[in-house]
């Protein structure tokens, strides 16, 4: 048999076309799609244009949210508007905790389980407890995005995506560390139940086999209340004394070294401070930095203590709750080394900040009513003992003051709580009632008979309430995130807020207090529960009479009057 090599043949082998597919020019292949930004409805929520990276992944750049909603989550569902029958979506670190505040961060979130973008109509930030939509974006039905195979994962600018599988509790119910080795860097999350004037320290022990502070290389992490930033500073402890610029517990930078710690993000929520940072495994700084072993366990130290006025670490107390007494060893190259039994967020905060005193307004006849934040653990709830959903009335720019009025006198309210009922999160007509809860616009049937209204509400022929005091929307908003927990006085807290008003005119409520009004009434929101507080009702002239009795009592102490009567003031 004669051999003939022809095109398509190599030796005795023949190249055969088993089939082909032609790719047409201009083929529109699946790719990430860009959506609009979040609709801005409440709590300072806003973002840049949101991208759908694949069938399960959203990229949300420049996210802002004040973190003041008590029970808010990323939320998805079906229908023409967000509603309570949605599904929670984990945040950027895979947690289903209520959302923290965001200050222009770029984050990436993924739909849970088998859910894909083809199964939903919208993505929202939703407050579950109060059934309120803080903002949303609609998802078109004609999306053609890549499948969720991990190929579209991107690195966000301020919030790293990894969910660490390693976790150790360092101080019971007070401090935890999570870590992951990423190439030449060790990335760590420190969690601590610390006060504003405290730090948490974590690092390599000065002696392997025991917890030794001297000669240790640690990171001191805290929130700098002066600069208003989260910090993590590289320290070397030459001995157990305050740093004098040469010896002691000193930042490396103060003693001729450098700060090899890179802060990635920080958060403070529900009494827990979290700081994510990274450092090189080997920094090549031989005096003040210890190399992190990646082939064996190493002893570590952890402590919580006070900051001094230089924002440097002072000595901690010598109790087991403030530093580790026992030898704790960690292999930083390990995976799934998780002995944390619960989150620090689940630990009940027994202390908490002191609530601000209740403000009082007396002898005023004109009031401006606007919306603002509740003041967290210092504001609405500790003052009233009632739950809130993140906003409250500010009367004459005071957070839920107690107002005193006199029977038979006339009072004017200029109401700037919103006048568009199609945006319920920004629709808060004011009315006066005997209900400590308010929200008559939500009530039906017998519920309507459980409270009596005194101003701000009319009823139609069928007995349905309609508000009469609705005006443009003005809100005191956080300049950044809610800082109420760290601020001692309400006056200083107001400096962290700014007033934002929509175009339009205020609503107007003119109220003459009935002569038979009860001693206690409330100013409330027509649409929502628990936004307002007390109106103390007194008889005409009673305020002056109370002053007279007070003066009389003082005089009685000096002249021995046994039967002090107001008339004595005028006849003496």
Protein backbone atom coordinates (compact mmCIF):
# COMPACT_ATOMS: atom_id res chain seq x y z
CA UNK A 1 0.00 0.00 0.00
CA UNK A 2 1.49 3.28 -1.07
CA UNK A 3 1.67 6.08 1.53
CA UNK A 4 0.65 9.55 0.41
CA UNK A 5 0.84 12.60 2.63
CA UNK A 6 -1.78 15.14 1.70
CA UNK A 7 -2.93 18.36 3.40
CA UNK A 8 -4.68 17.48 6.65
CA UNK A 9 -2.54 14.37 7.10
CA UNK A 10 0.60 13.94 9.19
CA UNK A 11 2.29 10.64 8.65
CA UNK A 12 -0.32 7.92 9.02
CA UNK A 13 -2.55 10.25 11.10
CA UNK A 14 -5.43 12.09 9.53
CA UNK A 15 -6.86 15.33 11.09
CA UNK A 16 -10.62 14.98 11.07
CA UNK A 17 -13.21 17.67 11.82
CA UNK A 18 -15.59 16.10 14.32
CA UNK A 19 -17.85 19.18 14.41
CA UNK A 20 -17.73 22.93 14.76
CA UNK A 21 -19.59 25.91 16.06
CA UNK A 22 -19.49 29.34 14.50
CA UNK A 23 -19.44 32.44 16.72
CA UNK A 24 -21.40 35.18 15.01
CA UNK A 25 -19.93 38.67 14.96
CA UNK A 26 -21.39 41.03 17.56
CA UNK A 27 -22.41 38.20 19.91
CA UNK A 28 -23.69 39.68 23.20
CA UNK A 29 -22.12 37.33 25.74
CA UNK A 30 -23.21 37.30 29.39
CA UNK A 31 -21.41 40.04 31.31
CA UNK A 32 -21.86 42.15 34.46
CA UNK A 33 -24.72 44.65 34.22
CA UNK A 34 -24.94 48.12 35.76
CA UNK A 35 -28.10 49.20 37.61
CA UNK A 36 -29.05 52.61 39.05
CA UNK A 37 -28.03 53.64 42.56
CA UNK A 38 -30.13 52.94 45.67
CA UNK A 39 -33.22 55.11 45.87
CA UNK A 40 -32.66 57.54 48.75
CA UNK A 41 -35.51 57.25 51.24
CA UNK A 42 -34.19 57.23 54.81
CA UNK A 43 -31.18 57.11 57.14
CA UNK A 44 -28.80 58.68 54.66
CA UNK A 45 -28.84 55.61 52.40
CA UNK A 46 -27.17 56.25 49.06
CA UNK A 47 -24.65 54.67 46.71
CA UNK A 48 -23.15 54.90 43.26
CA UNK A 49 -24.52 52.73 40.44
CA UNK A 50 -24.92 49.12 41.59
CA UNK A 51 -23.52 46.30 39.43
CA UNK A 52 -24.77 42.74 39.07
CA UNK A 53 -21.50 40.83 38.65
CA UNK A 54 -23.04 37.40 38.16
CA UNK A 55 -26.23 35.51 38.94
CA UNK A 56 -25.70 35.81 42.71
CA UNK A 57 -23.36 38.77 43.30
CA UNK A 58 -24.00 42.50 43.70
CA UNK A 59 -21.25 45.10 43.80
CA UNK A 60 -22.35 48.24 45.72
CA UNK A 61 -19.83 51.09 45.44
CA UNK A 62 -19.73 54.25 47.57
CA UNK A 63 -22.30 52.93 50.04
CA UNK A 64 -23.49 55.36 52.70
CA UNK A 65 -25.86 54.46 55.56
CA UNK A 66 -25.94 55.96 59.06
CA UNK A 67 -26.40 52.61 60.81
CA UNK A 68 -29.18 53.96 63.03
CA UNK A 69 -31.91 51.55 61.94
CA UNK A 70 -32.47 49.05 64.78
CA UNK A 71 -33.17 46.00 62.61
CA UNK A 72 -32.04 46.76 59.02
CA UNK A 73 -30.72 44.27 56.48
CA UNK A 74 -30.01 43.85 52.80
CA UNK A 75 -33.35 42.48 51.59
CA UNK A 76 -34.60 41.00 48.31
CA UNK A 77 -37.97 39.90 47.02
CA UNK A 78 -40.64 40.09 44.34
CA UNK A 79 -43.30 42.64 43.53
CA UNK A 80 -43.57 46.27 42.54
CA UNK A 81 -42.20 47.60 45.86
CA UNK A 82 -40.13 46.20 48.76
CA UNK A 83 -42.26 44.61 51.46
CA UNK A 84 -42.05 42.48 54.60
CA UNK A 85 -42.18 39.14 52.75
CA UNK A 86 -38.60 39.46 51.53
CA UNK A 87 -35.43 37.48 52.21
CA UNK A 88 -32.37 38.58 54.21
CA UNK A 89 -29.10 38.79 52.32
CA UNK A 90 -25.82 38.45 54.26
CA UNK A 91 -23.61 41.53 54.38
CA UNK A 92 -20.15 41.82 52.83
CA UNK A 93 -18.57 39.49 55.43
CA UNK A 94 -21.33 36.91 55.24
CA UNK A 95 -23.04 38.00 58.47
CA UNK A 96 -26.78 38.29 59.11
CA UNK A 97 -26.29 40.79 61.96
CA UNK A 98 -28.21 44.09 61.56
CA UNK A 99 -26.34 46.42 59.21
CA UNK A 100 -23.64 48.68 60.60
CA UNK A 101 -22.99 52.20 59.31
CA UNK A 102 -21.15 52.69 56.01
CA UNK A 103 -19.15 55.77 55.01
CA UNK A 104 -18.59 55.57 51.27
CA UNK A 105 -17.40 51.95 51.24
CA UNK A 106 -17.35 49.62 48.23
CA UNK A 107 -18.82 46.24 49.13
CA UNK A 108 -19.85 42.99 47.48
CA UNK A 109 -22.78 40.85 48.67
CA UNK A 110 -24.07 37.47 47.51
CA UNK A 111 -27.57 36.04 47.44
CA UNK A 112 -28.07 33.15 49.87
CA UNK A 113 -28.74 29.50 49.01
CA UNK A 114 -29.95 28.76 45.51
CA UNK A 115 -31.42 32.24 45.02
CA UNK A 116 -30.29 34.12 41.87
CA UNK A 117 -30.96 37.56 40.42
CA UNK A 118 -33.44 35.94 38.05
CA UNK A 119 -35.65 35.07 41.05
CA UNK A 120 -36.04 38.60 42.45
CA UNK A 121 -37.39 42.00 41.43
CA UNK A 122 -35.53 44.32 43.82
CA UNK A 123 -32.69 44.74 46.29
CA UNK A 124 -33.39 46.96 49.30
CA UNK A 125 -32.21 48.01 52.73
CA UNK A 126 -35.20 47.08 54.88
CA UNK A 127 -35.99 47.53 58.58
CA UNK A 128 -37.75 44.34 59.66
CA UNK A 129 -39.04 45.52 63.05
CA UNK A 130 -40.76 48.61 61.65
CA UNK A 131 -41.43 47.34 58.12
CA UNK A 132 -39.73 50.32 56.51
CA UNK A 133 -37.88 50.58 53.22
CA UNK A 134 -34.79 52.79 53.57
CA UNK A 135 -34.02 52.56 49.83
CA UNK A 136 -33.99 50.08 46.96
CA UNK A 137 -33.02 49.37 43.36
CA UNK A 138 -35.11 47.42 40.85
CA UNK A 139 -33.63 44.49 38.92
CA UNK A 140 -34.63 44.20 35.23
CA UNK A 141 -35.97 40.90 33.95
CA UNK A 142 -33.77 40.90 30.83
CA UNK A 143 -30.46 40.56 32.66
CA UNK A 144 -27.95 38.32 30.96
CA UNK A 145 -25.13 37.94 33.48
CA UNK A 146 -22.53 35.19 33.96
CA UNK A 147 -23.38 32.21 36.14
CA UNK A 148 -22.18 32.36 39.74
CA UNK A 149 -19.02 30.28 39.51
CA UNK A 150 -16.74 32.67 41.39
CA UNK A 151 -15.15 33.98 38.22
CA UNK A 152 -16.44 37.52 38.66
CA UNK A 153 -15.17 38.06 42.20
CA UNK A 154 -13.57 41.48 42.64
CA UNK A 155 -11.66 43.13 45.45
CA UNK A 156 -13.57 45.90 47.19
CA UNK A 157 -11.78 49.03 48.28
CA UNK A 158 -12.57 49.18 51.96
CA UNK A 159 -14.11 45.91 53.05
CA UNK A 160 -12.22 42.70 52.23
CA UNK A 161 -14.42 39.78 51.30
CA UNK A 162 -12.84 36.79 53.06
CA UNK A 163 -14.92 35.19 55.77
CA UNK A 164 -12.29 33.82 58.11
CA UNK A 165 -12.74 30.24 59.30
CA UNK A 166 -10.20 30.67 62.13
CA UNK A 167 -11.37 32.18 65.44
CA UNK A 168 -10.05 32.13 69.00
CA UNK A 169 -11.57 33.64 72.11
CA UNK A 170 -8.73 35.47 73.86
CA UNK A 171 -10.55 36.98 76.85
CA UNK A 172 -13.89 35.40 77.82
CA UNK A 173 -16.82 37.46 76.49
CA UNK A 174 -14.47 40.41 75.85
CA UNK A 175 -12.04 39.75 73.02
CA UNK A 176 -11.71 37.47 69.98
CA UNK A 177 -9.36 37.21 67.01
CA UNK A 178 -10.00 35.87 63.53
CA UNK A 179 -7.18 35.42 61.03
CA UNK A 180 -6.13 34.17 57.63
CA UNK A 181 -2.72 33.83 55.98
CA UNK A 182 -2.80 35.56 52.58
CA UNK A 183 0.52 35.18 50.80
CA UNK A 184 3.19 37.20 52.59
CA UNK A 185 0.59 38.92 54.80
CA UNK A 186 -1.32 37.83 57.87
CA UNK A 187 -4.80 39.41 57.88
CA UNK A 188 -6.57 39.67 61.24
CA UNK A 189 -9.88 40.80 62.69
CA UNK A 190 -9.82 41.88 66.33
CA UNK A 191 -13.18 42.01 68.14
CA UNK A 192 -13.37 43.63 71.57
CA UNK A 193 -16.02 44.79 74.01
CA UNK A 194 -14.11 47.95 74.88
CA UNK A 195 -15.05 51.48 75.84
CA UNK A 196 -14.22 54.58 73.80
CA UNK A 197 -11.15 55.28 75.94
CA UNK A 198 -9.77 51.74 75.75
CA UNK A 199 -7.54 49.72 73.43
CA UNK A 200 -7.22 46.03 72.64
CA UNK A 201 -3.75 44.56 72.11
CA UNK A 202 -2.79 41.32 70.36
CA UNK A 203 0.53 39.88 69.25
CA UNK A 204 3.41 37.49 69.79
CA UNK A 205 4.47 36.72 73.36
CA UNK A 206 7.93 37.74 74.50
CA UNK A 207 8.67 34.10 75.41
CA UNK A 208 7.35 31.01 73.71
CA UNK A 209 5.56 28.65 76.09
CA UNK A 210 4.03 31.33 78.32
CA UNK A 211 2.19 34.66 78.15
CA UNK A 212 4.97 37.21 78.64
CA UNK A 213 4.39 40.91 78.02
CA UNK A 214 8.05 42.04 78.10
CA UNK A 215 9.90 41.71 74.78
CA UNK A 216 6.58 41.11 73.02
CA UNK A 217 5.58 42.43 69.58
CA UNK A 218 1.93 43.50 69.59
CA UNK A 219 -0.65 45.48 67.68
CA UNK A 220 -2.62 48.03 69.71
CA UNK A 221 -6.01 48.68 68.08
CA UNK A 222 -8.58 51.30 69.06
CA UNK A 223 -10.88 54.08 67.88
CA UNK A 224 -9.13 57.46 67.96
CA UNK A 225 -11.81 59.84 69.24
CA UNK A 226 -9.67 62.87 68.37
CA UNK A 227 -8.99 62.00 64.74
CA UNK A 228 -12.23 59.98 64.48
CA UNK A 229 -10.53 57.05 62.78
CA UNK A 230 -9.85 53.42 63.63
CA UNK A 231 -6.18 52.79 64.32
CA UNK A 232 -3.88 49.81 64.71
CA UNK A 233 -0.34 50.66 65.83
CA UNK A 234 2.78 48.49 65.94
CA UNK A 235 4.21 48.26 69.50
CA UNK A 236 7.31 46.75 71.12
CA UNK A 237 7.26 46.21 74.91
CA UNK A 238 10.81 46.47 76.20
CA UNK A 239 9.49 46.46 79.78
CA UNK A 240 6.24 46.93 81.70
CA UNK A 241 6.28 50.71 82.05
CA UNK A 242 4.79 53.70 80.32
CA UNK A 243 6.68 54.66 77.17
CA UNK A 244 9.25 57.41 77.78
CA UNK A 245 10.36 57.65 74.16
CA UNK A 246 13.06 55.02 74.60
CA UNK A 247 11.78 52.24 76.85
CA UNK A 248 8.48 50.78 78.00
CA UNK A 249 5.34 49.89 76.10
CA UNK A 250 6.10 52.00 73.03
CA UNK A 251 4.78 52.43 69.50
CA UNK A 252 7.59 51.36 67.16
CA UNK A 253 7.52 54.80 65.53
CA UNK A 254 8.38 56.51 68.84
CA UNK A 255 11.54 54.46 69.37
CA UNK A 256 13.03 54.59 65.87
CA UNK A 257 11.08 51.84 64.15
CA UNK A 258 8.11 51.98 61.81
CA UNK A 259 4.44 51.08 61.96
CA UNK A 260 4.14 47.90 59.89
CA UNK A 261 0.40 47.57 60.49
CA UNK A 262 -2.04 48.40 57.68
CA UNK A 263 -5.61 49.13 58.80
CA UNK A 264 -8.21 47.76 56.37
CA UNK A 265 -11.48 48.68 58.08
CA UNK A 266 -13.09 49.38 61.42
CA UNK A 267 -16.54 49.32 62.97
CA UNK A 268 -18.14 50.01 66.33
CA UNK A 269 -21.60 48.60 66.95
CA UNK A 270 -23.56 47.36 69.96
CA UNK A 271 -20.58 47.92 72.26
CA UNK A 272 -18.19 45.86 70.11
CA UNK A 273 -15.23 47.45 68.32
CA UNK A 274 -13.94 45.54 65.29
CA UNK A 275 -10.69 46.42 63.53
CA UNK A 276 -9.38 44.54 60.51
CA UNK A 277 -5.68 44.93 59.70
CA UNK A 278 -2.76 43.15 58.08
CA UNK A 279 1.01 42.92 58.58
CA UNK A 280 3.85 41.20 56.80
CA UNK A 281 4.81 37.78 58.12
CA UNK A 282 8.44 38.94 57.96
CA UNK A 283 8.88 42.72 58.20
CA UNK A 284 12.71 42.77 58.04
CA UNK A 285 12.75 45.06 61.08
CA UNK A 286 14.96 42.93 63.37
CA UNK A 287 14.81 44.90 66.63
CA UNK A 288 11.15 45.69 67.20
CA UNK A 289 9.25 43.13 65.08
CA UNK A 290 9.14 39.35 65.53
CA UNK A 291 8.65 37.12 62.50
CA UNK A 292 5.33 35.28 62.49
CA UNK A 293 5.97 31.52 62.29
CA UNK A 294 3.97 29.72 59.60
CA UNK A 295 5.16 26.18 60.32
CA UNK A 296 4.34 25.78 64.01
CA UNK A 297 2.33 27.09 66.94
CA UNK A 298 3.45 30.24 68.70
CA UNK A 299 2.45 31.75 72.05
CA UNK A 300 0.43 34.96 71.90
CA UNK A 301 -0.65 37.67 74.30
CA UNK A 302 -3.87 39.68 74.44
CA UNK A 303 -4.97 42.55 76.66
CA UNK A 304 -7.52 45.34 77.10
CA UNK A 305 -6.54 48.57 78.82
CA UNK A 306 -6.94 52.37 78.97
CA UNK A 307 -5.62 54.91 76.48
CA UNK A 308 -3.74 57.97 77.75
CA UNK A 309 -4.07 61.51 76.43
CA UNK A 310 -1.46 60.78 73.75
CA UNK A 311 -3.74 58.03 72.42
CA UNK A 312 -1.17 55.47 73.52
CA UNK A 313 -1.59 52.32 75.59
CA UNK A 314 -1.43 52.61 79.35
CA UNK A 315 -0.97 49.60 81.62
CA UNK A 316 -3.93 47.23 81.85
CA UNK A 317 -5.18 45.82 85.13
CA UNK A 318 -3.82 42.44 86.19
CA UNK A 319 -7.03 40.42 86.09
CA UNK A 320 -7.94 37.46 83.93
CA UNK A 321 -10.63 39.56 82.26
CA UNK A 322 -8.08 42.14 81.06
CA UNK A 323 -5.23 39.97 79.78
CA UNK A 324 -4.57 36.30 79.11
CA UNK A 325 -2.93 34.57 82.06
CA UNK A 326 -2.67 31.14 80.47
CA UNK A 327 -0.50 30.27 77.49
CA UNK A 328 -2.55 30.53 74.27
CA UNK A 329 -0.89 29.08 71.18
CA UNK A 330 -1.93 29.64 67.56
CA UNK A 331 -0.71 28.16 64.28
CA UNK A 332 -1.34 31.08 61.94
CA UNK A 333 -1.14 28.85 58.85
CA UNK A 334 -4.03 26.71 60.09
CA UNK A 335 -7.49 26.49 58.55
CA UNK A 336 -10.79 25.86 60.38
CA UNK A 337 -9.21 26.50 63.79
CA UNK A 338 -12.41 27.83 65.32
CA UNK A 339 -13.07 27.51 69.03
CA UNK A 340 -15.23 30.65 69.42
CA UNK A 341 -18.49 29.47 70.94
CA UNK A 342 -20.53 32.61 70.20
CA UNK A 343 -20.29 36.10 68.79
CA UNK A 344 -19.35 39.00 71.09
CA UNK A 345 -22.41 40.77 69.68
CA UNK A 346 -24.58 38.26 71.57
CA UNK A 347 -23.04 39.25 74.93
CA UNK A 348 -25.45 41.44 76.85
CA UNK A 349 -24.05 44.89 77.54
CA UNK A 350 -24.75 45.48 81.21
CA UNK A 351 -23.21 48.94 81.34
CA UNK A 352 -24.02 51.03 78.30
CA UNK A 353 -23.70 54.79 78.05
CA UNK A 354 -25.68 57.10 80.32
CA UNK A 355 -28.87 58.43 78.66
CA UNK A 356 -29.13 62.13 78.00
CA UNK A 357 -31.47 64.05 80.32
CA UNK A 358 -34.93 64.72 78.96
CA UNK A 359 -35.22 68.23 77.52
CA UNK A 360 -38.18 70.38 78.61
CA UNK A 361 -39.98 73.23 76.86
CA UNK A 362 -42.10 75.56 78.97
CA UNK A 363 -43.68 78.98 78.36
CA UNK A 364 -43.38 78.58 74.57
CA UNK A 365 -46.32 78.94 72.19
CA UNK A 366 -44.68 78.30 68.80
CA UNK A 367 -43.02 74.99 67.91
CA UNK A 368 -41.13 73.65 64.89
CA UNK A 369 -41.39 69.87 64.43
CA UNK A 370 -38.74 68.08 62.37
CA UNK A 371 -37.40 64.54 62.03
CA UNK A 372 -34.01 63.36 63.34
CA UNK A 373 -32.12 60.33 64.69
CA UNK A 374 -33.07 58.75 68.00
CA UNK A 375 -29.71 59.11 69.74
CA UNK A 376 -29.17 55.37 70.15
CA UNK A 377 -28.68 54.15 73.72
CA UNK A 378 -28.60 57.72 75.03
CA UNK A 379 -31.79 58.92 73.40
CA UNK A 380 -35.32 57.83 72.59
CA UNK A 381 -35.48 54.32 74.05
CA UNK A 382 -33.74 54.98 77.39
CA UNK A 383 -35.74 58.20 77.83
CA UNK A 384 -39.13 56.70 76.98
CA UNK A 385 -38.65 53.00 77.70
CA UNK A 386 -40.19 52.34 74.27
CA UNK A 387 -38.66 50.83 71.11
CA UNK A 388 -37.83 53.05 68.15
CA UNK A 389 -37.14 52.47 64.47
CA UNK A 390 -34.30 54.96 64.12
CA UNK A 391 -35.98 58.38 63.88
CA UNK A 392 -37.87 60.63 66.26
CA UNK A 393 -39.42 64.09 66.53
CA UNK A 394 -37.17 67.06 67.16
CA UNK A 395 -39.25 69.91 68.60
CA UNK A 396 -37.49 73.28 68.38
CA UNK A 397 -34.41 71.19 67.48
CA UNK A 398 -34.51 69.22 70.74
CA UNK A 399 -34.83 65.42 70.75
CA UNK A 400 -38.32 64.45 72.04
CA UNK A 401 -38.58 67.19 74.67
CA UNK A 402 -41.41 67.21 77.19
CA UNK A 403 -43.68 70.14 76.33
CA UNK A 404 -45.79 71.94 78.94
CA UNK A 405 -49.00 73.65 77.76
CA UNK A 406 -51.86 75.37 79.60
CA UNK A 407 -55.55 74.63 79.22
CA UNK A 408 -57.39 77.25 77.21
CA UNK A 409 -54.21 78.65 75.63
CA UNK A 410 -53.39 78.61 71.91
CA UNK A 411 -50.30 76.94 70.42
CA UNK A 412 -48.86 76.77 66.89
CA UNK A 413 -46.87 73.90 65.35
CA UNK A 414 -44.95 74.27 62.08
CA UNK A 415 -44.56 70.70 60.89
CA UNK A 416 -41.76 69.56 58.58
CA UNK A 417 -42.18 65.81 58.60
CA UNK A 418 -43.01 65.18 54.93
CA UNK A 419 -46.14 65.50 52.83
CA UNK A 420 -45.83 62.67 50.27
CA UNK A 421 -47.76 59.57 51.41
CA UNK A 422 -46.24 57.55 48.55
CA UNK A 423 -42.92 57.66 50.45
CA UNK A 424 -43.92 56.31 53.88
CA UNK A 425 -40.35 56.44 55.22
CA UNK A 426 -40.45 60.23 54.75
CA UNK A 427 -44.10 60.87 55.57
CA UNK A 428 -44.68 61.91 59.18
CA UNK A 429 -47.65 64.23 59.75
CA UNK A 430 -47.83 65.40 63.35
CA UNK A 431 -50.89 65.02 65.55
CA UNK A 432 -51.75 65.24 69.24
CA UNK A 433 -53.25 62.27 71.04
CA UNK A 434 -53.59 60.51 74.37
CA UNK A 435 -51.70 57.50 72.99
CA UNK A 436 -48.05 56.96 74.02
CA UNK A 437 -47.64 54.93 70.82
CA UNK A 438 -49.27 57.06 68.12
CA UNK A 439 -49.43 55.85 64.51
CA UNK A 440 -53.20 56.25 64.15
CA UNK A 441 -52.86 56.02 60.38
CA UNK A 442 -51.95 52.34 60.80
CA UNK A 443 -54.93 51.56 62.98
CA UNK A 444 -58.20 50.00 61.84
CA UNK A 445 -61.48 48.90 63.42
CA UNK A 446 -61.45 48.75 67.19
CA UNK A 447 -57.84 49.98 67.31
CA UNK A 448 -59.09 53.40 66.22
CA UNK A 449 -61.22 53.66 69.33
CA UNK A 450 -58.30 52.94 71.66
CA UNK A 451 -56.90 56.46 71.35
CA UNK A 452 -58.38 59.93 71.25
CA UNK A 453 -57.02 62.68 69.00
CA UNK A 454 -56.89 66.34 70.03
CA UNK A 455 -55.38 68.04 66.95
CA UNK A 456 -53.89 67.20 63.57
CA UNK A 457 -56.46 64.61 62.46
CA UNK A 458 -59.82 64.76 60.71
CA UNK A 459 -62.20 61.83 60.18
CA UNK A 460 -64.19 61.16 57.02
CA UNK A 461 -67.81 59.97 56.92
CA UNK A 462 -66.68 56.38 57.35
CA UNK A 463 -64.58 57.17 60.40
CA UNK A 464 -61.21 56.90 58.66
CA UNK A 465 -58.53 59.31 59.95
CA UNK A 466 -56.73 61.75 57.64
CA UNK A 467 -53.83 64.00 58.72
CA UNK A 468 -54.11 67.79 58.56
CA UNK A 469 -50.56 68.80 59.58
CA UNK A 470 -48.24 67.61 56.83
CA UNK A 471 -45.53 69.78 55.28
CA UNK A 472 -42.18 69.61 53.53
CA UNK A 473 -39.61 67.09 54.78
CA UNK A 474 -36.76 68.31 57.01
CA UNK A 475 -34.43 65.87 58.72
CA UNK A 476 -31.43 66.15 61.00
CA UNK A 477 -29.03 63.61 59.47
CA UNK A 478 -25.70 62.18 60.54
CA UNK A 479 -22.69 63.78 58.89
CA UNK A 480 -21.06 60.32 58.95
CA UNK A 481 -22.44 57.49 61.13
CA UNK A 482 -24.34 57.55 64.41
CA UNK A 483 -21.86 58.61 67.12
CA UNK A 484 -24.33 58.86 69.99
CA UNK A 485 -22.64 56.13 72.05
CA UNK A 486 -19.40 58.08 72.24
CA UNK A 487 -20.78 61.58 72.87
CA UNK A 488 -21.56 62.68 76.40
CA UNK A 489 -24.01 65.54 75.81
CA UNK A 490 -26.90 66.11 73.45
CA UNK A 491 -25.49 69.54 72.56
CA UNK A 492 -22.28 67.92 71.30
CA UNK A 493 -24.32 65.27 69.50
CA UNK A 494 -26.17 67.99 67.58
CA UNK A 495 -22.80 69.13 66.22
CA UNK A 496 -22.50 65.77 64.44
CA UNK A 497 -25.80 66.35 62.61
CA UNK A 498 -26.78 68.55 59.69
CA UNK A 499 -30.23 69.71 58.62
CA UNK A 500 -31.51 68.71 55.18
CA UNK A 501 -34.80 70.15 53.92
CA UNK A 502 -36.78 69.54 50.75
CA UNK A 503 -38.43 72.31 48.80
CA UNK A 504 -41.88 73.38 49.97
CA UNK A 505 -43.71 74.87 52.91
CA UNK A 506 -44.18 73.59 56.46
CA UNK A 507 -47.48 72.10 57.54
CA UNK A 508 -49.43 74.10 60.11
CA UNK A 509 -51.28 73.00 63.22
CA UNK A 510 -53.13 75.53 65.39
CA UNK A 511 -54.25 74.05 68.70
CA UNK A 512 -56.24 75.52 71.54
CA UNK A 513 -55.90 73.20 74.50
CA UNK A 514 -59.35 72.05 75.66
CA UNK A 515 -60.34 72.95 79.20
CA UNK A 516 -61.13 69.28 79.84
CA UNK A 517 -57.87 67.94 78.37
CA UNK A 518 -56.18 65.26 80.53
CA UNK A 519 -52.95 66.04 82.34
CA UNK A 520 -50.87 63.98 79.91
CA UNK A 521 -50.99 63.98 76.11
CA UNK A 522 -48.46 63.15 73.37
CA UNK A 523 -47.28 64.63 70.07
CA UNK A 524 -46.95 61.73 67.63
CA UNK A 525 -46.52 60.69 64.00
CA UNK A 526 -49.69 59.90 62.07
CA UNK A 527 -47.98 57.18 60.00
CA UNK A 528 -45.65 55.43 62.45
CA UNK A 529 -45.48 54.34 66.06
CA UNK A 530 -43.13 55.75 68.70
CA UNK A 531 -41.73 58.94 67.25
CA UNK A 532 -42.96 61.45 69.82
CA UNK A 533 -43.22 62.06 73.55
CA UNK A 534 -45.07 63.87 76.31
CA UNK A 535 -47.18 66.98 76.50
CA UNK A 536 -47.83 67.96 80.11
CA UNK A 537 -51.14 69.82 80.40
CA UNK A 538 -51.66 72.21 83.31
CA UNK A 539 -54.29 74.77 84.31
CA UNK A 540 -53.85 78.33 83.13
CA UNK A 541 -51.55 80.19 85.53
CA UNK A 542 -50.45 77.00 87.25
CA UNK A 543 -46.86 77.49 86.13
CA UNK A 544 -46.75 80.90 87.83
CA UNK A 545 -48.49 79.48 90.89
CA UNK A 546 -45.83 76.79 91.19
CA UNK A 547 -43.16 79.48 91.13
CA UNK A 548 -45.04 81.41 93.82
CA UNK A 549 -45.16 78.38 96.09
CA UNK A 550 -41.46 77.84 95.59
CA UNK A 551 -40.65 81.43 96.59
CA UNK A 552 -43.04 81.15 99.52
CA UNK A 553 -41.29 78.02 100.75
CA UNK A 554 -37.94 79.77 100.68
CA UNK A 555 -39.34 82.71 102.69
CA UNK A 556 -40.95 80.33 105.14
CA UNK A 557 -37.59 78.79 105.88
CA UNK A 558 -36.32 82.21 107.01
CA UNK A 559 -39.30 83.77 108.78
CA UNK A 560 -40.90 80.66 110.21
CA UNK A 561 -44.23 80.84 108.34
CA UNK A 562 -46.26 77.82 109.27
CA UNK A 563 -49.11 78.22 106.82
CA UNK A 564 -47.57 79.58 103.67
CA UNK A 565 -50.09 80.80 101.09
CA UNK A 566 -49.46 82.51 97.78
CA UNK A 567 -51.22 85.68 99.01
CA UNK A 568 -48.46 86.18 101.58
CA UNK A 569 -46.05 86.91 98.77
CA UNK A 570 -48.10 89.90 97.71
CA UNK A 571 -49.08 91.21 101.13
CA UNK A 572 -45.79 90.82 102.99
